Every structure is written in C-alpha cells, then in structure tokens.
Amino acid sequence: MGLYLLLQPEEDAESALVERAQGHPSLVISSGDARMTVQIAGREGGAQLAINFARELAESATQFANRCEALTKLAPLDFEHLSALLGTTPEEVDALTVLSGHDEKEADR
C-alpha cells in the first residue's frame, strides 16, 4: 500500500535540520498545518540510505526550483489558461506529475 503526499507550499513553508537529541538528526518539512519528518532508519545501513535519499532529494529540489523559476520568468503561472490549452485541471496535472515521477523512479530501479 502506497502513501502519496502532495505539498503545495504556503507562505509559512520551511524546511530545517533539527537535532533534538545528539546523533539523531531529522529533516523537518512543514507548510501550514502539515509536517513531514525524515529520519535515519533504525537498522543496519539506515544511515547510508538516509544519506543517499537526502542527496537525491537535494538534487531533485534544485531541479524543481529551476523548473518553477523558468516557468515563471516571463509571467506568473496561469493554471486556468494552461488547463484550457491542455484540457487538464491543475489537480489532474498534479496527479499525473506525481504518478509519472513515481513511475520513473520505479523504472530506474
């Protein structure tokens, strides 16, 4: 059973490294009332998995930021106009994007 999360950052969105107990770092991502925390799995190899994930997340986040910036360089995004052109609502675009990103990850494995 998969769990899919969609986060659309609000004005108060933030991410931070938090280490409440020595040697137990957490990556905390929050926006509005939503919060997600990433920690090291308590098993052999858990630290290396967390390292690999965090580095991949950082690279993907940079690519996402660059793409968003490119899309908004000339004008603000107009989802209604894009929906009319593509025949797809923003929600459907989000669903397709999440699924295609997930499918690409599966194909890479």
N, C-alpha and C. Protein backbone atom coordinates (compact mmCIF):
# COMPACT_ATOMS: atom_id res chain seq x y z
N MET A 1 0.84 -1.17 0.00
CA MET A 1 0.00 0.00 0.00
C MET A 1 0.89 1.23 0.00
N GLY A 2 0.69 2.10 -0.98
CA GLY A 2 1.49 3.31 -1.07
C GLY A 2 0.86 4.46 -0.35
N LEU A 3 1.68 5.40 0.02
CA LEU A 3 1.22 6.63 0.65
C LEU A 3 1.73 7.77 -0.22
N TYR A 4 0.81 8.58 -0.74
CA TYR A 4 1.18 9.70 -1.59
C TYR A 4 0.85 11.00 -0.86
N LEU A 5 1.82 11.89 -0.83
CA LEU A 5 1.65 13.18 -0.19
C LEU A 5 1.79 14.27 -1.26
N LEU A 6 0.96 15.26 -1.17
CA LEU A 6 1.08 16.42 -2.05
C LEU A 6 1.21 17.63 -1.15
N LEU A 7 2.29 18.36 -1.31
CA LEU A 7 2.52 19.56 -0.52
C LEU A 7 2.60 20.74 -1.47
N GLN A 8 1.71 21.68 -1.30
CA GLN A 8 1.77 22.93 -2.05
C GLN A 8 2.16 24.01 -1.05
N PRO A 9 3.42 24.44 -1.09
CA PRO A 9 3.93 25.36 -0.07
C PRO A 9 3.08 26.61 0.10
N GLU A 10 2.85 26.95 1.36
CA GLU A 10 2.17 28.19 1.73
C GLU A 10 3.23 29.19 2.15
N GLU A 11 2.80 30.39 2.53
CA GLU A 11 3.75 31.44 2.89
C GLU A 11 4.66 31.03 4.05
N ASP A 12 4.18 30.18 4.94
CA ASP A 12 4.97 29.80 6.11
C ASP A 12 5.79 28.53 5.90
N ALA A 13 5.86 28.03 4.66
CA ALA A 13 6.57 26.78 4.38
C ALA A 13 8.05 26.92 4.72
N GLU A 14 8.58 25.85 5.29
CA GLU A 14 10.00 25.84 5.63
C GLU A 14 10.52 24.42 5.74
N SER A 15 11.82 24.30 5.64
CA SER A 15 12.47 23.02 5.90
C SER A 15 13.69 23.32 6.76
N ALA A 16 14.02 22.37 7.62
CA ALA A 16 15.13 22.62 8.54
C ALA A 16 15.73 21.31 9.02
N LEU A 17 17.00 21.37 9.36
CA LEU A 17 17.67 20.27 10.04
C LEU A 17 17.45 20.49 11.53
N VAL A 18 16.91 19.47 12.19
CA VAL A 18 16.65 19.55 13.62
C VAL A 18 17.34 18.35 14.28
N GLU A 19 18.05 18.60 15.36
CA GLU A 19 18.71 17.51 16.10
C GLU A 19 18.41 17.70 17.57
N ARG A 20 17.25 17.17 17.99
CA ARG A 20 16.81 17.34 19.38
C ARG A 20 17.65 16.51 20.34
N ALA A 21 18.10 15.35 19.87
CA ALA A 21 18.99 14.52 20.68
C ALA A 21 20.27 14.30 19.87
N GLN A 22 21.40 14.38 20.53
CA GLN A 22 22.69 14.23 19.87
C GLN A 22 22.74 12.93 19.06
N GLY A 23 23.07 13.05 17.79
CA GLY A 23 23.19 11.87 16.94
C GLY A 23 21.90 11.40 16.31
N HIS A 24 20.82 12.16 16.47
CA HIS A 24 19.52 11.80 15.88
C HIS A 24 18.97 12.97 15.07
N PRO A 25 19.60 13.26 13.92
CA PRO A 25 19.13 14.38 13.10
C PRO A 25 17.82 14.07 12.40
N SER A 26 17.05 15.10 12.15
CA SER A 26 15.80 14.98 11.41
C SER A 26 15.74 16.12 10.39
N LEU A 27 15.20 15.81 9.23
CA LEU A 27 14.88 16.83 8.24
C LEU A 27 13.39 17.08 8.39
N VAL A 28 13.03 18.30 8.76
CA VAL A 28 11.63 18.63 9.01
C VAL A 28 11.16 19.57 7.90
N ILE A 29 10.07 19.20 7.26
CA ILE A 29 9.46 19.99 6.19
C ILE A 29 8.06 20.32 6.66
N SER A 30 7.71 21.62 6.67
CA SER A 30 6.38 22.00 7.13
C SER A 30 5.81 23.12 6.28
N SER A 31 4.48 23.12 6.20
CA SER A 31 3.75 24.15 5.49
C SER A 31 2.33 24.13 6.03
N GLY A 32 1.87 25.28 6.54
CA GLY A 32 0.54 25.31 7.14
C GLY A 32 0.49 24.34 8.31
N ASP A 33 -0.53 23.49 8.33
CA ASP A 33 -0.68 22.50 9.40
C ASP A 33 0.01 21.18 9.09
N ALA A 34 0.62 21.07 7.91
CA ALA A 34 1.26 19.81 7.50
C ALA A 34 2.73 19.80 7.91
N ARG A 35 3.20 18.63 8.32
CA ARG A 35 4.60 18.48 8.68
C ARG A 35 5.04 17.06 8.31
N MET A 36 6.23 16.98 7.72
CA MET A 36 6.82 15.69 7.40
C MET A 36 8.23 15.68 7.96
N THR A 37 8.62 14.56 8.54
CA THR A 37 9.95 14.43 9.12
C THR A 37 10.65 13.23 8.51
N VAL A 38 11.91 13.42 8.14
CA VAL A 38 12.74 12.34 7.60
C VAL A 38 13.82 12.06 8.63
N GLN A 39 13.97 10.77 8.98
CA GLN A 39 14.98 10.38 9.97
C GLN A 39 15.74 9.15 9.46
N ILE A 40 16.81 8.83 10.14
CA ILE A 40 17.59 7.63 9.82
C ILE A 40 16.82 6.41 10.30
N ALA A 41 16.70 5.42 9.42
CA ALA A 41 16.03 4.16 9.80
C ALA A 41 16.90 3.44 10.83
N GLY A 42 16.25 2.88 11.83
CA GLY A 42 16.95 2.18 12.90
C GLY A 42 17.33 0.76 12.53
N ARG A 43 18.12 0.63 11.49
CA ARG A 43 18.57 -0.70 11.06
C ARG A 43 19.92 -0.57 10.40
N GLU A 44 20.56 -1.68 10.17
CA GLU A 44 21.86 -1.68 9.52
C GLU A 44 21.74 -1.04 8.13
N GLY A 45 22.63 -0.13 7.84
CA GLY A 45 22.61 0.55 6.56
C GLY A 45 21.65 1.73 6.51
N GLY A 46 20.92 1.98 7.60
CA GLY A 46 19.95 3.06 7.63
C GLY A 46 20.56 4.42 7.39
N ALA A 47 21.75 4.65 7.95
CA ALA A 47 22.40 5.95 7.78
C ALA A 47 22.75 6.19 6.31
N GLN A 48 23.29 5.17 5.65
CA GLN A 48 23.67 5.34 4.24
C GLN A 48 22.44 5.55 3.36
N LEU A 49 21.35 4.85 3.68
CA LEU A 49 20.10 5.07 2.93
C LEU A 49 19.61 6.50 3.10
N ALA A 50 19.69 7.03 4.32
CA ALA A 50 19.27 8.40 4.58
C ALA A 50 20.17 9.39 3.84
N ILE A 51 21.46 9.12 3.83
CA ILE A 51 22.41 9.98 3.12
C ILE A 51 22.08 10.02 1.63
N ASN A 52 21.90 8.84 1.04
CA ASN A 52 21.58 8.76 -0.39
C ASN A 52 20.27 9.47 -0.72
N PHE A 53 19.26 9.24 0.12
CA PHE A 53 17.96 9.86 -0.09
C PHE A 53 18.07 11.38 0.00
N ALA A 54 18.76 11.88 1.01
CA ALA A 54 18.87 13.33 1.22
C ALA A 54 19.61 13.99 0.05
N ARG A 55 20.65 13.35 -0.44
CA ARG A 55 21.38 13.91 -1.58
C ARG A 55 20.52 13.92 -2.84
N GLU A 56 19.78 12.84 -3.06
CA GLU A 56 18.87 12.78 -4.21
C GLU A 56 17.75 13.81 -4.06
N LEU A 57 17.22 13.96 -2.85
CA LEU A 57 16.19 14.95 -2.59
C LEU A 57 16.71 16.37 -2.87
N ALA A 58 17.93 16.65 -2.43
CA ALA A 58 18.52 17.97 -2.66
C ALA A 58 18.67 18.24 -4.16
N GLU A 59 19.12 17.26 -4.91
CA GLU A 59 19.28 17.42 -6.36
C GLU A 59 17.92 17.62 -7.03
N SER A 60 16.94 16.82 -6.64
CA SER A 60 15.60 16.95 -7.22
C SER A 60 14.97 18.28 -6.85
N ALA A 61 15.17 18.74 -5.62
CA ALA A 61 14.62 20.02 -5.18
C ALA A 61 15.23 21.17 -5.99
N THR A 62 16.52 21.09 -6.27
CA THR A 62 17.16 22.11 -7.09
C THR A 62 16.59 22.11 -8.50
N GLN A 63 16.40 20.93 -9.08
CA GLN A 63 15.81 20.83 -10.42
C GLN A 63 14.39 21.38 -10.42
N PHE A 64 13.62 21.07 -9.38
CA PHE A 64 12.25 21.57 -9.25
C PHE A 64 12.24 23.10 -9.17
N ALA A 65 13.12 23.65 -8.35
CA ALA A 65 13.20 25.11 -8.20
C ALA A 65 13.58 25.75 -9.53
N ASN A 66 14.54 25.18 -10.22
CA ASN A 66 14.95 25.72 -11.52
C ASN A 66 13.81 25.68 -12.53
N ARG A 67 13.05 24.58 -12.54
CA ARG A 67 11.93 24.46 -13.47
C ARG A 67 10.83 25.47 -13.14
N CYS A 68 10.50 25.61 -11.86
CA CYS A 68 9.49 26.59 -11.44
C CYS A 68 9.93 27.99 -11.81
N GLU A 69 11.19 28.28 -11.58
CA GLU A 69 11.72 29.60 -11.91
C GLU A 69 11.62 29.87 -13.42
N ALA A 70 11.97 28.87 -14.22
CA ALA A 70 11.90 29.02 -15.67
C ALA A 70 10.45 29.25 -16.12
N LEU A 71 9.51 28.55 -15.51
CA LEU A 71 8.10 28.69 -15.89
C LEU A 71 7.54 30.07 -15.54
N THR A 72 8.09 30.68 -14.51
CA THR A 72 7.54 31.96 -14.05
C THR A 72 8.39 33.16 -14.46
N LYS A 73 9.45 32.95 -15.22
CA LYS A 73 10.33 34.05 -15.60
C LYS A 73 9.63 35.12 -16.42
N LEU A 74 8.79 34.71 -17.35
CA LEU A 74 8.13 35.67 -18.23
C LEU A 74 6.84 36.21 -17.64
N ALA A 75 6.12 35.35 -16.91
CA ALA A 75 4.83 35.77 -16.33
C ALA A 75 4.43 34.77 -15.26
N PRO A 76 3.57 35.18 -14.34
CA PRO A 76 3.08 34.23 -13.33
C PRO A 76 2.34 33.08 -14.00
N LEU A 77 2.38 31.92 -13.38
CA LEU A 77 1.66 30.77 -13.91
C LEU A 77 0.16 31.03 -13.86
N ASP A 78 -0.52 30.73 -14.94
CA ASP A 78 -1.97 30.87 -15.03
C ASP A 78 -2.54 29.48 -15.27
N PHE A 79 -2.91 28.79 -14.18
CA PHE A 79 -3.37 27.41 -14.29
C PHE A 79 -4.65 27.28 -15.09
N GLU A 80 -5.52 28.28 -15.03
CA GLU A 80 -6.76 28.22 -15.82
C GLU A 80 -6.44 28.23 -17.31
N HIS A 81 -5.52 29.08 -17.72
CA HIS A 81 -5.12 29.15 -19.12
C HIS A 81 -4.45 27.84 -19.55
N LEU A 82 -3.55 27.32 -18.71
CA LEU A 82 -2.88 26.06 -19.03
C LEU A 82 -3.89 24.92 -19.13
N SER A 83 -4.88 24.91 -18.23
CA SER A 83 -5.92 23.87 -18.27
C SER A 83 -6.69 23.93 -19.58
N ALA A 84 -7.00 25.15 -20.03
CA ALA A 84 -7.74 25.30 -21.29
C ALA A 84 -6.91 24.79 -22.46
N LEU A 85 -5.62 25.07 -22.44
CA LEU A 85 -4.75 24.62 -23.52
C LEU A 85 -4.56 23.11 -23.52
N LEU A 86 -4.40 22.55 -22.34
CA LEU A 86 -4.09 21.13 -22.21
C LEU A 86 -5.32 20.26 -21.99
N GLY A 87 -6.44 20.88 -21.61
CA GLY A 87 -7.63 20.10 -21.30
C GLY A 87 -7.50 19.33 -20.01
N THR A 88 -6.67 19.82 -19.10
CA THR A 88 -6.40 19.13 -17.85
C THR A 88 -6.45 20.13 -16.71
N THR A 89 -7.08 19.75 -15.61
CA THR A 89 -7.14 20.64 -14.45
C THR A 89 -5.81 20.60 -13.69
N PRO A 90 -5.53 21.61 -12.87
CA PRO A 90 -4.31 21.58 -12.06
C PRO A 90 -4.21 20.32 -11.21
N GLU A 91 -5.34 19.85 -10.69
CA GLU A 91 -5.33 18.64 -9.86
C GLU A 91 -4.92 17.42 -10.70
N GLU A 92 -5.43 17.36 -11.93
CA GLU A 92 -5.06 16.24 -12.81
C GLU A 92 -3.59 16.32 -13.21
N VAL A 93 -3.10 17.54 -13.44
CA VAL A 93 -1.68 17.71 -13.75
C VAL A 93 -0.84 17.25 -12.56
N ASP A 94 -1.23 17.66 -11.34
CA ASP A 94 -0.50 17.24 -10.15
C ASP A 94 -0.49 15.72 -10.04
N ALA A 95 -1.64 15.08 -10.24
CA ALA A 95 -1.74 13.63 -10.13
C ALA A 95 -0.85 12.95 -11.17
N LEU A 96 -0.88 13.46 -12.39
CA LEU A 96 -0.05 12.88 -13.45
C LEU A 96 1.43 13.07 -13.15
N THR A 97 1.78 14.24 -12.62
CA THR A 97 3.17 14.53 -12.31
C THR A 97 3.67 13.61 -11.21
N VAL A 98 2.88 13.44 -10.17
CA VAL A 98 3.28 12.57 -9.05
C VAL A 98 3.42 11.14 -9.55
N LEU A 99 2.44 10.67 -10.32
CA LEU A 99 2.49 9.29 -10.80
C LEU A 99 3.65 9.09 -11.77
N SER A 100 3.87 10.02 -12.69
CA SER A 100 4.94 9.84 -13.66
C SER A 100 6.29 9.89 -12.96
N GLY A 101 6.45 10.76 -11.97
CA GLY A 101 7.69 10.81 -11.21
C GLY A 101 7.93 9.51 -10.48
N HIS A 102 6.86 8.94 -9.90
CA HIS A 102 6.96 7.67 -9.20
C HIS A 102 7.31 6.56 -10.18
N ASP A 103 6.65 6.55 -11.35
CA ASP A 103 6.91 5.53 -12.36
C ASP A 103 8.34 5.60 -12.86
N GLU A 104 8.87 6.82 -13.04
CA GLU A 104 10.25 6.97 -13.48
C GLU A 104 11.20 6.41 -12.46
N LYS A 105 10.93 6.65 -11.17
CA LYS A 105 11.78 6.11 -10.10
C LYS A 105 11.76 4.58 -10.15
N GLU A 106 10.57 4.00 -10.33
CA GLU A 106 10.45 2.55 -10.41
C GLU A 106 11.22 2.01 -11.60
N ALA A 107 11.18 2.73 -12.72
CA ALA A 107 11.88 2.28 -13.93
C ALA A 107 13.38 2.35 -13.73
N ASP A 108 13.86 3.31 -12.92
CA ASP A 108 15.29 3.46 -12.67
C ASP A 108 15.83 2.33 -11.79
N ARG A 109 14.95 1.70 -11.04
CA ARG A 109 15.42 0.67 -10.07
C ARG A 109 15.65 -0.65 -10.72
